[in-house]
């Protein structure tokens, strides 16, 4: 299988490294508008660098393309790839609104290609294990959960994260990981209430979201852009017979926070580094490749990605209205 990457930033580089580790696949080009970034990522996996996606597609003819671009570009490139019969892995969130998400899902179905969305938290061992334990009834009936995700303010090309019309803000871009995971624990949410705090400091945005599920079950989510320490995630899931807890600041064997990116700036997205042989991004990519080869359904499907965006949009509506928002109010 030939795999290409469009977008040579932090996530594109992550895909490039993992493509190089997987047997029976071949890197088939890296594309980025910035030639230097494209060449750097291409060197990692021993392939060619491009600055034009159409040139990559015509020259390399990949079977699968990983789209690691700013969210507003997802629909355009997924449509382009689907039209050429190419399977797609697209980074989260799938889109910034439900119409675009629907169109992306539809165009891939029309052309008979698979679309996968990179909600990688499902592949982190602590999260996957917790979901399995809850499902197995290890803590009885899970009733309440608390999720936390704190990181530095991301610095994408052209500072696109700072434009909320492009990034969607901390809920849509960062907290969406925990929104998706909360659904794996409790199922479909019924309502959402949210607050967002933006201080006078331009590099800080904090959000707290409360999700209510059937039977009075509840999940409280916290997300922060602008955290001064190492990237940190934590969760606590409580049931009638026990509690499952995880805190990355106390559980990792090694964490590297990389500074000194382009022009001395921090990396655009903080990616946890571990001494494990393979990281969760490797496992996610391997899983999606297996789904293409076998035809099986992925651990996280496109409708899961759609529902996560739906909840994030409802949370933003709650922030504006200062009222709870029912999920049935959004289509």
C-alpha atoms as a PDB file:
ATOM      1  CA  UNK A   1       0.000   0.000   0.000  1.00  0.00           C
ATOM      2  CA  UNK A   2       1.314   3.443  -0.957  1.00  0.00           C
ATOM      3  CA  UNK A   3       0.657   6.188   1.591  1.00  0.00           C
ATOM      4  CA  UNK A   4       1.139   9.933   1.086  1.00  0.00           C
ATOM      5  CA  UNK A   5       0.886  12.814   3.550  1.00  0.00           C
ATOM      6  CA  UNK A   6      -0.463  16.280   2.816  1.00  0.00           C
ATOM      7  CA  UNK A   7       0.775  18.731   5.440  1.00  0.00           C
ATOM      8  CA  UNK A   8       4.319  18.521   6.756  1.00  0.00           C
ATOM      9  CA  UNK A   9       3.889  20.085  10.193  1.00  0.00           C
ATOM     10  CA  UNK A  10       3.962  18.297  13.535  1.00  0.00           C
ATOM     11  CA  UNK A  11       1.179  15.842  12.691  1.00  0.00           C
ATOM     12  CA  UNK A  12       2.470  15.300   9.165  1.00  0.00           C
ATOM     13  CA  UNK A  13       5.885  14.492  10.605  1.00  0.00           C
ATOM     14  CA  UNK A  14       4.249  12.097  13.085  1.00  0.00           C
ATOM     15  CA  UNK A  15       2.573  10.216  10.225  1.00  0.00           C
ATOM     16  CA  UNK A  16       5.827  10.202   8.231  1.00  0.00           C
ATOM     17  CA  UNK A  17       7.740   8.607  11.106  1.00  0.00           C
ATOM     18  CA  UNK A  18       5.133   5.915  11.561  1.00  0.00           C
ATOM     19  CA  UNK A  19       4.757   5.121   7.865  1.00  0.00           C
ATOM     20  CA  UNK A  20       8.474   4.360   7.883  1.00  0.00           C
ATOM     21  CA  UNK A  21       7.957   1.800  10.689  1.00  0.00           C
ATOM     22  CA  UNK A  22       5.112  -0.223   9.167  1.00  0.00           C
ATOM     23  CA  UNK A  23       5.805  -3.287   7.076  1.00  0.00           C
ATOM     24  CA  UNK A  24       4.270  -3.760   3.613  1.00  0.00           C
ATOM     25  CA  UNK A  25       3.538  -0.057   3.111  1.00  0.00           C
ATOM     26  CA  UNK A  26       5.532   2.526   1.195  1.00  0.00           C
ATOM     27  CA  UNK A  27       5.695   6.287   1.619  1.00  0.00           C
ATOM     28  CA  UNK A  28       4.406   7.885  -1.574  1.00  0.00           C
ATOM     29  CA  UNK A  29       5.233  11.566  -1.218  1.00  0.00           C
ATOM     30  CA  UNK A  30       4.908  14.343   1.337  1.00  0.00           C
ATOM     31  CA  UNK A  31       3.286  17.625   0.297  1.00  0.00           C
ATOM     32  CA  UNK A  32       3.494  20.981   2.046  1.00  0.00           C
ATOM     33  CA  UNK A  33       3.330  24.531   0.695  1.00  0.00           C
ATOM     34  CA  UNK A  34       6.538  25.125   2.634  1.00  0.00           C
ATOM     35  CA  UNK A  35       9.232  23.300   0.645  1.00  0.00           C
ATOM     36  CA  UNK A  36      11.577  23.000   3.632  1.00  0.00           C
ATOM     37  CA  UNK A  37       8.935  21.300   5.771  1.00  0.00           C
ATOM     38  CA  UNK A  38       7.977  18.949   2.938  1.00  0.00           C
ATOM     39  CA  UNK A  39      11.598  17.930   2.411  1.00  0.00           C
ATOM     40  CA  UNK A  40      12.204  17.417   6.126  1.00  0.00           C
ATOM     41  CA  UNK A  41       9.196  15.097   6.478  1.00  0.00           C
ATOM     42  CA  UNK A  42       9.982  13.311   3.209  1.00  0.00           C
ATOM     43  CA  UNK A  43      13.493  12.553   4.401  1.00  0.00           C
ATOM     44  CA  UNK A  44      12.111  10.846   7.511  1.00  0.00           C
ATOM     45  CA  UNK A  45      10.271   8.214   5.479  1.00  0.00           C
ATOM     46  CA  UNK A  46      12.446   8.120   2.353  1.00  0.00           C
ATOM     47  CA  UNK A  47      10.100   9.602  -0.199  1.00  0.00           C
ATOM     48  CA  UNK A  48       9.736  12.629  -2.481  1.00  0.00           C
ATOM     49  CA  UNK A  49       8.775  16.136  -1.399  1.00  0.00           C
ATOM     50  CA  UNK A  50       6.113  18.194  -3.180  1.00  0.00           C
ATOM     51  CA  UNK A  51       4.613  21.642  -2.788  1.00  0.00           C
ATOM     52  CA  UNK A  52       1.594  20.883  -5.002  1.00  0.00           C
ATOM     53  CA  UNK A  53      -0.922  18.187  -4.057  1.00  0.00           C
ATOM     54  CA  UNK A  54      -2.037  17.566  -7.643  1.00  0.00           C
ATOM     55  CA  UNK A  55       1.559  16.912  -8.679  1.00  0.00           C
ATOM     56  CA  UNK A  56       1.973  14.451  -5.813  1.00  0.00           C
ATOM     57  CA  UNK A  57      -1.195  12.595  -6.773  1.00  0.00           C
ATOM     58  CA  UNK A  58      -0.319  12.325 -10.461  1.00  0.00           C
ATOM     59  CA  UNK A  59       3.307  11.348  -9.832  1.00  0.00           C
ATOM     60  CA  UNK A  60       2.929   8.980  -6.863  1.00  0.00           C
ATOM     61  CA  UNK A  61      -0.625   7.620  -7.296  1.00  0.00           C
ATOM     62  CA  UNK A  62      -1.064   6.783  -3.584  1.00  0.00           C
ATOM     63  CA  UNK A  63      -3.687   4.383  -2.253  1.00  0.00           C
ATOM     64  CA  UNK A  64      -4.135   6.317   1.000  1.00  0.00           C
ATOM     65  CA  UNK A  65      -3.468   9.944   1.924  1.00  0.00           C
ATOM     66  CA  UNK A  66      -3.151  11.385   5.426  1.00  0.00           C
ATOM     67  CA  UNK A  67      -4.563  14.933   5.505  1.00  0.00           C
ATOM     68  CA  UNK A  68      -2.749  16.983   8.164  1.00  0.00           C
ATOM     69  CA  UNK A  69      -3.926  20.463   7.222  1.00  0.00           C
ATOM     70  CA  UNK A  70      -5.755  23.277   9.048  1.00  0.00           C
ATOM     71  CA  UNK A  71      -9.385  22.319   9.622  1.00  0.00           C
ATOM     72  CA  UNK A  72     -10.891  24.748   7.058  1.00  0.00           C
ATOM     73  CA  UNK A  73      -9.001  22.874   4.305  1.00  0.00           C
ATOM     74  CA  UNK A  74     -10.296  19.409   5.216  1.00  0.00           C
ATOM     75  CA  UNK A  75     -13.396  19.441   3.008  1.00  0.00           C
ATOM     76  CA  UNK A  76     -11.529  20.652  -0.094  1.00  0.00           C
ATOM     77  CA  UNK A  77      -8.786  18.065   0.110  1.00  0.00           C
ATOM     78  CA  UNK A  78     -10.981  15.151   1.182  1.00  0.00           C
ATOM     79  CA  UNK A  79     -13.217  15.879  -1.806  1.00  0.00           C
ATOM     80  CA  UNK A  80     -10.231  16.070  -4.152  1.00  0.00           C
ATOM     81  CA  UNK A  81      -8.837  12.763  -2.906  1.00  0.00           C
ATOM     82  CA  UNK A  82     -12.172  10.956  -2.956  1.00  0.00           C
ATOM     83  CA  UNK A  83     -12.703  12.095  -6.548  1.00  0.00           C
ATOM     84  CA  UNK A  84      -9.500  10.301  -7.496  1.00  0.00           C
ATOM     85  CA  UNK A  85     -10.465   7.106  -5.707  1.00  0.00           C
ATOM     86  CA  UNK A  86      -8.019   7.566  -2.832  1.00  0.00           C
ATOM     87  CA  UNK A  87      -8.727   6.482   0.752  1.00  0.00           C
ATOM     88  CA  UNK A  88      -8.323   9.251   3.340  1.00  0.00           C
ATOM     89  CA  UNK A  89      -7.190   9.640   6.928  1.00  0.00           C
ATOM     90  CA  UNK A  90      -8.092  13.177   8.015  1.00  0.00           C
ATOM     91  CA  UNK A  91      -7.014  14.742  11.272  1.00  0.00           C
ATOM     92  CA  UNK A  92      -9.681  15.805  13.758  1.00  0.00           C
ATOM     93  CA  UNK A  93     -11.998  17.620  13.865  1.00  0.00           C
ATOM     94  CA  UNK A  94     -13.606  16.365  10.684  1.00  0.00           C
ATOM     95  CA  UNK A  95     -14.929  19.888   9.972  1.00  0.00           C
ATOM     96  CA  UNK A  96     -16.108  23.053  11.693  1.00  0.00           C
ATOM     97  CA  UNK A  97     -19.794  22.602  10.860  1.00  0.00           C
ATOM     98  CA  UNK A  98     -22.169  19.714  10.293  1.00  0.00           C
ATOM     99  CA  UNK A  99     -22.941  20.521   6.653  1.00  0.00           C
ATOM    100  CA  UNK A 100     -19.272  20.216   5.691  1.00  0.00           C
ATOM    101  CA  UNK A 101     -18.913  17.023   7.720  1.00  0.00           C
ATOM    102  CA  UNK A 102     -21.935  15.554   5.938  1.00  0.00           C
ATOM    103  CA  UNK A 103     -20.530  16.521   2.543  1.00  0.00           C
ATOM    104  CA  UNK A 104     -17.173  14.909   3.317  1.00  0.00           C
ATOM    105  CA  UNK A 105     -18.819  11.670   4.432  1.00  0.00           C
ATOM    106  CA  UNK A 106     -21.098  11.699   1.389  1.00  0.00           C
ATOM    107  CA  UNK A 107     -18.410  12.319  -1.231  1.00  0.00           C
ATOM    108  CA  UNK A 108     -16.293   9.456   0.108  1.00  0.00           C
ATOM    109  CA  UNK A 109     -19.305   7.127   0.061  1.00  0.00           C
ATOM    110  CA  UNK A 110     -20.160   8.187  -3.502  1.00  0.00           C
ATOM    111  CA  UNK A 111     -16.666   7.347  -4.739  1.00  0.00           C
ATOM    112  CA  UNK A 112     -16.358   4.149  -2.733  1.00  0.00           C
ATOM    113  CA  UNK A 113     -13.388   5.209  -0.628  1.00  0.00           C
ATOM    114  CA  UNK A 114     -12.857   4.945   3.121  1.00  0.00           C
ATOM    115  CA  UNK A 115     -12.691   8.057   5.301  1.00  0.00           C
ATOM    116  CA  UNK A 116     -11.100   7.860   8.748  1.00  0.00           C
ATOM    117  CA  UNK A 117     -10.848  10.685  11.277  1.00  0.00           C
ATOM    118  CA  UNK A 118      -7.841  10.833  13.608  1.00  0.00           C
ATOM    119  CA  UNK A 119      -9.410  10.774  17.069  1.00  0.00           C
ATOM    120  CA  UNK A 120      -6.221   9.220  18.381  1.00  0.00           C
ATOM    121  CA  UNK A 121      -7.160   9.281  22.081  1.00  0.00           C
ATOM    122  CA  UNK A 122      -9.136   6.082  21.454  1.00  0.00           C
ATOM    123  CA  UNK A 123      -5.749   4.428  20.831  1.00  0.00           C
ATOM    124  CA  UNK A 124      -3.932   5.664  23.943  1.00  0.00           C
ATOM    125  CA  UNK A 125      -3.484   2.610  26.227  1.00  0.00           C
ATOM    126  CA  UNK A 126      -4.862   4.224  29.398  1.00  0.00           C
ATOM    127  CA  UNK A 127      -7.993   5.451  27.617  1.00  0.00           C
ATOM    128  CA  UNK A 128      -8.569   2.238  25.699  1.00  0.00           C
ATOM    129  CA  UNK A 129      -8.131   0.190  28.871  1.00  0.00           C
ATOM    130  CA  UNK A 130     -10.532   2.446  30.789  1.00  0.00           C
ATOM    131  CA  UNK A 131     -13.199   2.118  28.100  1.00  0.00           C
ATOM    132  CA  UNK A 132     -12.840  -1.657  28.125  1.00  0.00           C
ATOM    133  CA  UNK A 133     -13.061  -1.802  31.941  1.00  0.00           C
ATOM    134  CA  UNK A 134     -16.187   0.346  31.989  1.00  0.00           C
ATOM    135  CA  UNK A 135     -17.781  -1.811  29.304  1.00  0.00           C
ATOM    136  CA  UNK A 136     -16.890  -4.955  31.251  1.00  0.00           C
ATOM    137  CA  UNK A 137     -18.576  -3.568  34.374  1.00  0.00           C
ATOM    138  CA  UNK A 138     -15.382  -3.370  36.450  1.00  0.00           C
ATOM    139  CA  UNK A 139     -16.700  -0.334  38.362  1.00  0.00           C
ATOM    140  CA  UNK A 140     -20.363  -1.159  38.107  1.00  0.00           C
ATOM    141  CA  UNK A 141     -22.609   1.289  36.304  1.00  0.00           C
ATOM    142  CA  UNK A 142     -20.502   4.369  35.441  1.00  0.00           C
ATOM    143  CA  UNK A 143     -22.317   7.502  36.576  1.00  0.00           C
ATOM    144  CA  UNK A 144     -19.930  10.445  36.486  1.00  0.00           C
ATOM    145  CA  UNK A 145     -16.610  11.291  34.846  1.00  0.00           C
ATOM    146  CA  UNK A 146     -14.134  14.159  34.837  1.00  0.00           C
ATOM    147  CA  UNK A 147     -11.732  14.738  31.933  1.00  0.00           C
ATOM    148  CA  UNK A 148      -8.864  17.233  31.745  1.00  0.00           C
ATOM    149  CA  UNK A 149      -6.630  18.219  28.797  1.00  0.00           C
ATOM    150  CA  UNK A 150      -4.131  21.076  29.270  1.00  0.00           C
ATOM    151  CA  UNK A 151      -1.478  22.159  26.793  1.00  0.00           C
ATOM    152  CA  UNK A 152       0.470  25.093  25.394  1.00  0.00           C
ATOM    153  CA  UNK A 153      -1.248  27.452  23.000  1.00  0.00           C
ATOM    154  CA  UNK A 154      -0.777  25.832  19.560  1.00  0.00           C
ATOM    155  CA  UNK A 155       1.154  27.790  16.945  1.00  0.00           C
ATOM    156  CA  UNK A 156       0.221  26.717  13.424  1.00  0.00           C
ATOM    157  CA  UNK A 157       1.424  28.167  10.160  1.00  0.00           C
ATOM    158  CA  UNK A 158       0.219  31.777   9.983  1.00  0.00           C
ATOM    159  CA  UNK A 159      -1.145  31.545  13.547  1.00  0.00           C
ATOM    160  CA  UNK A 160      -4.357  30.007  12.209  1.00  0.00           C
ATOM    161  CA  UNK A 161      -5.290  28.591  15.620  1.00  0.00           C
ATOM    162  CA  UNK A 162      -5.811  32.137  16.917  1.00  0.00           C
ATOM    163  CA  UNK A 163      -8.549  32.709  14.353  1.00  0.00           C
ATOM    164  CA  UNK A 164     -11.578  31.028  15.910  1.00  0.00           C
ATOM    165  CA  UNK A 165     -13.302  30.992  12.531  1.00  0.00           C
ATOM    166  CA  UNK A 166     -10.545  28.610  11.405  1.00  0.00           C
ATOM    167  CA  UNK A 167      -9.731  26.565  14.518  1.00  0.00           C
ATOM    168  CA  UNK A 168     -13.033  26.648  16.391  1.00  0.00           C
ATOM    169  CA  UNK A 169     -11.187  27.432  19.618  1.00  0.00           C
ATOM    170  CA  UNK A 170     -10.156  25.200  22.487  1.00  0.00           C
ATOM    171  CA  UNK A 171     -13.401  23.205  22.617  1.00  0.00           C
ATOM    172  CA  UNK A 172     -13.492  22.269  18.944  1.00  0.00           C
ATOM    173  CA  UNK A 173      -9.785  21.647  18.507  1.00  0.00           C
ATOM    174  CA  UNK A 174      -8.521  20.310  21.857  1.00  0.00           C
ATOM    175  CA  UNK A 175     -11.425  19.249  24.044  1.00  0.00           C
ATOM    176  CA  UNK A 176     -13.026  17.376  21.142  1.00  0.00           C
ATOM    177  CA  UNK A 177     -10.729  14.461  22.053  1.00  0.00           C
ATOM    178  CA  UNK A 178     -12.458  14.102  25.424  1.00  0.00           C
ATOM    179  CA  UNK A 179     -15.887  14.792  23.942  1.00  0.00           C
ATOM    180  CA  UNK A 180     -15.351  11.796  21.678  1.00  0.00           C
ATOM    181  CA  UNK A 181     -14.064   9.645  24.519  1.00  0.00           C
ATOM    182  CA  UNK A 182     -16.947  10.594  26.839  1.00  0.00           C
ATOM    183  CA  UNK A 183     -19.299   9.191  24.187  1.00  0.00           C
ATOM    184  CA  UNK A 184     -17.458   5.860  24.302  1.00  0.00           C
ATOM    185  CA  UNK A 185     -18.107   5.700  28.050  1.00  0.00           C
ATOM    186  CA  UNK A 186     -21.682   6.997  28.283  1.00  0.00           C
ATOM    187  CA  UNK A 187     -23.163   6.877  24.779  1.00  0.00           C
ATOM    188  CA  UNK A 188     -25.108   9.762  23.264  1.00  0.00           C
ATOM    189  CA  UNK A 189     -25.274  13.024  25.212  1.00  0.00           C
ATOM    190  CA  UNK A 190     -28.648  14.661  25.824  1.00  0.00           C
ATOM    191  CA  UNK A 191     -27.560  18.200  26.701  1.00  0.00           C
ATOM    192  CA  UNK A 192     -24.494  20.377  27.142  1.00  0.00           C
ATOM    193  CA  UNK A 193     -23.647  23.427  29.240  1.00  0.00           C
ATOM    194  CA  UNK A 194     -20.379  25.284  28.690  1.00  0.00           C
ATOM    195  CA  UNK A 195     -18.266  28.231  29.793  1.00  0.00           C
ATOM    196  CA  UNK A 196     -15.167  29.642  28.111  1.00  0.00           C
ATOM    197  CA  UNK A 197     -12.749  32.035  29.830  1.00  0.00           C
ATOM    198  CA  UNK A 198     -10.462  34.205  27.745  1.00  0.00           C
ATOM    199  CA  UNK A 199      -8.115  36.341  29.790  1.00  0.00           C
ATOM    200  CA  UNK A 200      -6.342  39.508  28.686  1.00  0.00           C
ATOM    201  CA  UNK A 201      -3.375  37.265  27.908  1.00  0.00           C
ATOM    202  CA  UNK A 202      -3.600  36.398  24.176  1.00  0.00           C
ATOM    203  CA  UNK A 203      -2.142  32.929  24.691  1.00  0.00           C
ATOM    204  CA  UNK A 204      -4.724  31.466  27.034  1.00  0.00           C
ATOM    205  CA  UNK A 205      -8.202  29.984  26.590  1.00  0.00           C
ATOM    206  CA  UNK A 206      -9.951  27.787  29.151  1.00  0.00           C
ATOM    207  CA  UNK A 207     -13.215  25.884  28.733  1.00  0.00           C
ATOM    208  CA  UNK A 208     -15.385  23.813  31.024  1.00  0.00           C
ATOM    209  CA  UNK A 209     -18.147  21.708  29.516  1.00  0.00           C
ATOM    210  CA  UNK A 210     -20.772  19.632  31.313  1.00  0.00           C
ATOM    211  CA  UNK A 211     -22.382  16.817  29.325  1.00  0.00           C
ATOM    212  CA  UNK A 212     -25.543  15.147  30.575  1.00  0.00           C
ATOM    213  CA  UNK A 213     -26.520  11.661  29.470  1.00  0.00           C
ATOM    214  CA  UNK A 214     -29.530   9.441  30.027  1.00  0.00           C
ATOM    215  CA  UNK A 215     -30.252   8.354  33.572  1.00  0.00           C
ATOM    216  CA  UNK A 216     -28.658  11.454  35.069  1.00  0.00           C
ATOM    217  CA  UNK A 217     -25.114  10.408  34.148  1.00  0.00           C
ATOM    218  CA  UNK A 218     -22.687  13.277  33.712  1.00  0.00           C
ATOM    219  CA  UNK A 219     -19.237  14.114  32.336  1.00  0.00           C
ATOM    220  CA  UNK A 220     -17.337  17.292  33.216  1.00  0.00           C
ATOM    221  CA  UNK A 221     -14.631  18.278  30.728  1.00  0.00           C
ATOM    222  CA  UNK A 222     -11.871  20.849  31.123  1.00  0.00           C
ATOM    223  CA  UNK A 223      -9.619  22.121  28.340  1.00  0.00           C
ATOM    224  CA  UNK A 224      -6.866  24.733  28.438  1.00  0.00           C
ATOM    225  CA  UNK A 225      -4.713  26.348  25.790  1.00  0.00           C
ATOM    226  CA  UNK A 226      -1.877  28.252  27.438  1.00  0.00           C
ATOM    227  CA  UNK A 227      -0.876  25.814  30.167  1.00  0.00           C
ATOM    228  CA  UNK A 228       2.695  26.651  31.269  1.00  0.00           C
ATOM    229  CA  UNK A 229       3.688  23.105  32.184  1.00  0.00           C
ATOM    230  CA  UNK A 230       4.088  19.867  30.239  1.00  0.00           C
ATOM    231  CA  UNK A 231       1.123  18.686  28.197  1.00  0.00           C
ATOM    232  CA  UNK A 232      -1.215  17.030  30.703  1.00  0.00           C
ATOM    233  CA  UNK A 233      -4.269  14.815  30.437  1.00  0.00           C
ATOM    234  CA  UNK A 234      -6.250  13.206  33.222  1.00  0.00           C
ATOM    235  CA  UNK A 235      -9.546  11.463  33.823  1.00  0.00           C
ATOM    236  CA  UNK A 236     -11.599   9.952  36.617  1.00  0.00           C
ATOM    237  CA  UNK A 237     -14.571   7.703  35.901  1.00  0.00           C
ATOM    238  CA  UNK A 238     -16.721   6.730  38.898  1.00  0.00           C
ATOM    239  CA  UNK A 239     -19.275   3.955  39.133  1.00  0.00           C
ATOM    240  CA  UNK A 240     -21.261   2.294  41.881  1.00  0.00           C
ATOM    241  CA  UNK A 241     -18.489  -0.204  42.569  1.00  0.00           C
ATOM    242  CA  UNK A 242     -15.302   1.725  41.981  1.00  0.00           C
ATOM    243  CA  UNK A 243     -13.285   4.460  40.302  1.00  0.00           C
ATOM    244  CA  UNK A 244     -10.837   4.458  37.381  1.00  0.00           C
ATOM    245  CA  UNK A 245      -8.232   7.218  37.524  1.00  0.00           C
ATOM    246  CA  UNK A 246      -5.432   8.337  35.209  1.00  0.00           C
ATOM    247  CA  UNK A 247      -3.087  11.348  35.289  1.00  0.00           C
ATOM    248  CA  UNK A 248      -0.419  11.627  32.603  1.00  0.00           C
ATOM    249  CA  UNK A 249       1.784  13.787  34.836  1.00  0.00           C
ATOM    250  CA  UNK A 250       2.154  10.836  37.198  1.00  0.00           C
ATOM    251  CA  UNK A 251       2.010   7.911  34.790  1.00  0.00           C
ATOM    252  CA  UNK A 252       4.472   8.492  31.959  1.00  0.00           C
ATOM    253  CA  UNK A 253       7.902   6.894  31.772  1.00  0.00           C
ATOM    254  CA  UNK A 254       9.328   9.816  29.832  1.00  0.00           C
ATOM    255  CA  UNK A 255       7.806  13.008  28.463  1.00  0.00           C
ATOM    256  CA  UNK A 256       9.609  15.335  26.087  1.00  0.00           C
ATOM    257  CA  UNK A 257       8.218  18.805  25.456  1.00  0.00           C
ATOM    258  CA  UNK A 258       9.945  20.107  22.344  1.00  0.00           C
ATOM    259  CA  UNK A 259      10.817  23.768  21.941  1.00  0.00           C
ATOM    260  CA  UNK A 260      12.747  25.492  19.217  1.00  0.00           C
ATOM    261  CA  UNK A 261      10.511  24.795  16.223  1.00  0.00           C
ATOM    262  CA  UNK A 262      10.620  26.975  13.161  1.00  0.00           C
ATOM    263  CA  UNK A 263      12.139  30.362  13.954  1.00  0.00           C
ATOM    264  CA  UNK A 264      12.583  29.331  17.591  1.00  0.00           C
ATOM    265  CA  UNK A 265       8.881  28.824  18.219  1.00  0.00           C
ATOM    266  CA  UNK A 266       7.303  25.909  20.029  1.00  0.00           C
ATOM    267  CA  UNK A 267       5.949  22.993  18.036  1.00  0.00           C
ATOM    268  CA  UNK A 268       2.470  23.822  16.632  1.00  0.00           C
ATOM    269  CA  UNK A 269       0.873  20.833  18.366  1.00  0.00           C
ATOM    270  CA  UNK A 270       2.220  19.078  21.449  1.00  0.00           C
ATOM    271  CA  UNK A 271       2.530  15.359  20.792  1.00  0.00           C
ATOM    272  CA  UNK A 272       3.209  13.173  23.852  1.00  0.00           C
ATOM    273  CA  UNK A 273       6.445  11.208  23.439  1.00  0.00           C
ATOM    274  CA  UNK A 274       6.981   7.869  25.136  1.00  0.00           C
ATOM    275  CA  UNK A 275       9.583   5.158  25.424  1.00  0.00           C
ATOM    276  CA  UNK A 276       7.059   2.617  24.137  1.00  0.00           C
ATOM    277  CA  UNK A 277       8.155   0.773  20.990  1.00  0.00           C
ATOM    278  CA  UNK A 278       5.151   2.159  19.101  1.00  0.00           C
ATOM    279  CA  UNK A 279       3.109   5.222  19.944  1.00  0.00           C
ATOM    280  CA  UNK A 280      -0.707   5.474  19.719  1.00  0.00           C
ATOM    281  CA  UNK A 281      -0.411   7.298  16.385  1.00  0.00           C
ATOM    282  CA  UNK A 282       1.348   4.218  14.998  1.00  0.00           C
ATOM    283  CA  UNK A 283      -1.403   1.951  16.338  1.00  0.00           C
ATOM    284  CA  UNK A 284      -4.094   4.221  14.906  1.00  0.00           C
ATOM    285  CA  UNK A 285      -2.477   4.241  11.450  1.00  0.00           C
ATOM    286  CA  UNK A 286      -1.978   0.471  11.511  1.00  0.00           C
ATOM    287  CA  UNK A 287      -5.631   0.018  12.503  1.00  0.00           C
ATOM    288  CA  UNK A 288      -6.896   2.186   9.644  1.00  0.00           C
ATOM    289  CA  UNK A 289      -4.684   0.351   7.146  1.00  0.00           C
ATOM    290  CA  UNK A 290      -6.088  -2.946   8.416  1.00  0.00           C
ATOM    291  CA  UNK A 291      -9.642  -1.613   8.011  1.00  0.00           C
ATOM    292  CA  UNK A 292      -8.935  -0.790   4.357  1.00  0.00           C
ATOM    293  CA  UNK A 293      -7.424  -4.213   3.700  1.00  0.00           C
ATOM    294  CA  UNK A 294     -10.062  -6.207   5.582  1.00  0.00           C
ATOM    295  CA  UNK A 295     -13.132  -4.038   5.044  1.00  0.00           C
ATOM    296  CA  UNK A 296     -13.926  -3.998   8.765  1.00  0.00           C
ATOM    297  CA  UNK A 297     -15.314  -0.988  10.584  1.00  0.00           C
ATOM    298  CA  UNK A 298     -12.862   1.237  12.488  1.00  0.00           C
ATOM    299  CA  UNK A 299     -12.712   1.734  16.239  1.00  0.00           C
ATOM    300  CA  UNK A 300     -13.795   5.341  15.655  1.00  0.00           C
ATOM    301  CA  UNK A 301     -16.039   5.953  12.654  1.00  0.00           C
ATOM    302  CA  UNK A 302     -16.993   9.019  10.656  1.00  0.00           C
ATOM    303  CA  UNK A 303     -20.327   9.276  12.474  1.00  0.00           C
ATOM    304  CA  UNK A 304     -18.446   9.356  15.774  1.00  0.00           C
ATOM    305  CA  UNK A 305     -16.434  12.287  14.397  1.00  0.00           C
ATOM    306  CA  UNK A 306     -19.672  13.957  13.257  1.00  0.00           C
ATOM    307  CA  UNK A 307     -21.271  13.598  16.700  1.00  0.00           C
ATOM    308  CA  UNK A 308     -18.171  15.023  18.403  1.00  0.00           C
ATOM    309  CA  UNK A 309     -18.404  18.142  16.224  1.00  0.00           C
ATOM    310  CA  UNK A 310     -22.132  18.347  16.968  1.00  0.00           C
ATOM    311  CA  UNK A 311     -21.454  18.395  20.707  1.00  0.00           C
ATOM    312  CA  UNK A 312     -18.655  20.957  20.305  1.00  0.00           C
ATOM    313  CA  UNK A 313     -21.009  23.234  18.341  1.00  0.00           C
ATOM    314  CA  UNK A 314     -23.693  22.831  21.001  1.00  0.00           C
ATOM    315  CA  UNK A 315     -21.106  23.761  23.639  1.00  0.00           C
ATOM    316  CA  UNK A 316     -20.221  26.937  21.720  1.00  0.00           C
ATOM    317  CA  UNK A 317     -23.924  27.766  21.475  1.00  0.00           C
ATOM    318  CA  UNK A 318     -24.203  27.325  25.240  1.00  0.00           C
ATOM    319  CA  UNK A 319     -21.245  29.680  25.743  1.00  0.00           C
ATOM    320  CA  UNK A 320     -23.025  32.347  23.682  1.00  0.00           C
ATOM    321  CA  UNK A 321     -26.475  31.933  25.270  1.00  0.00           C
ATOM    322  CA  UNK A 322     -25.297  31.057  28.784  1.00  0.00           C
ATOM    323  CA  UNK A 323     -27.941  28.323  28.750  1.00  0.00           C
ATOM    324  CA  UNK A 324     -27.898  24.521  28.470  1.00  0.00           C
ATOM    325  CA  UNK A 325     -28.372  23.298  24.902  1.00  0.00           C
ATOM    326  CA  UNK A 326     -30.221  20.101  24.034  1.00  0.00           C
ATOM    327  CA  UNK A 327     -28.471  17.946  21.474  1.00  0.00           C
ATOM    328  CA  UNK A 328     -31.791  17.250  19.790  1.00  0.00           C
ATOM    329  CA  UNK A 329     -31.863  20.943  18.896  1.00  0.00           C
ATOM    330  CA  UNK A 330     -29.005  20.342  16.457  1.00  0.00           C
ATOM    331  CA  UNK A 331     -29.432  18.019  13.537  1.00  0.00           C
END
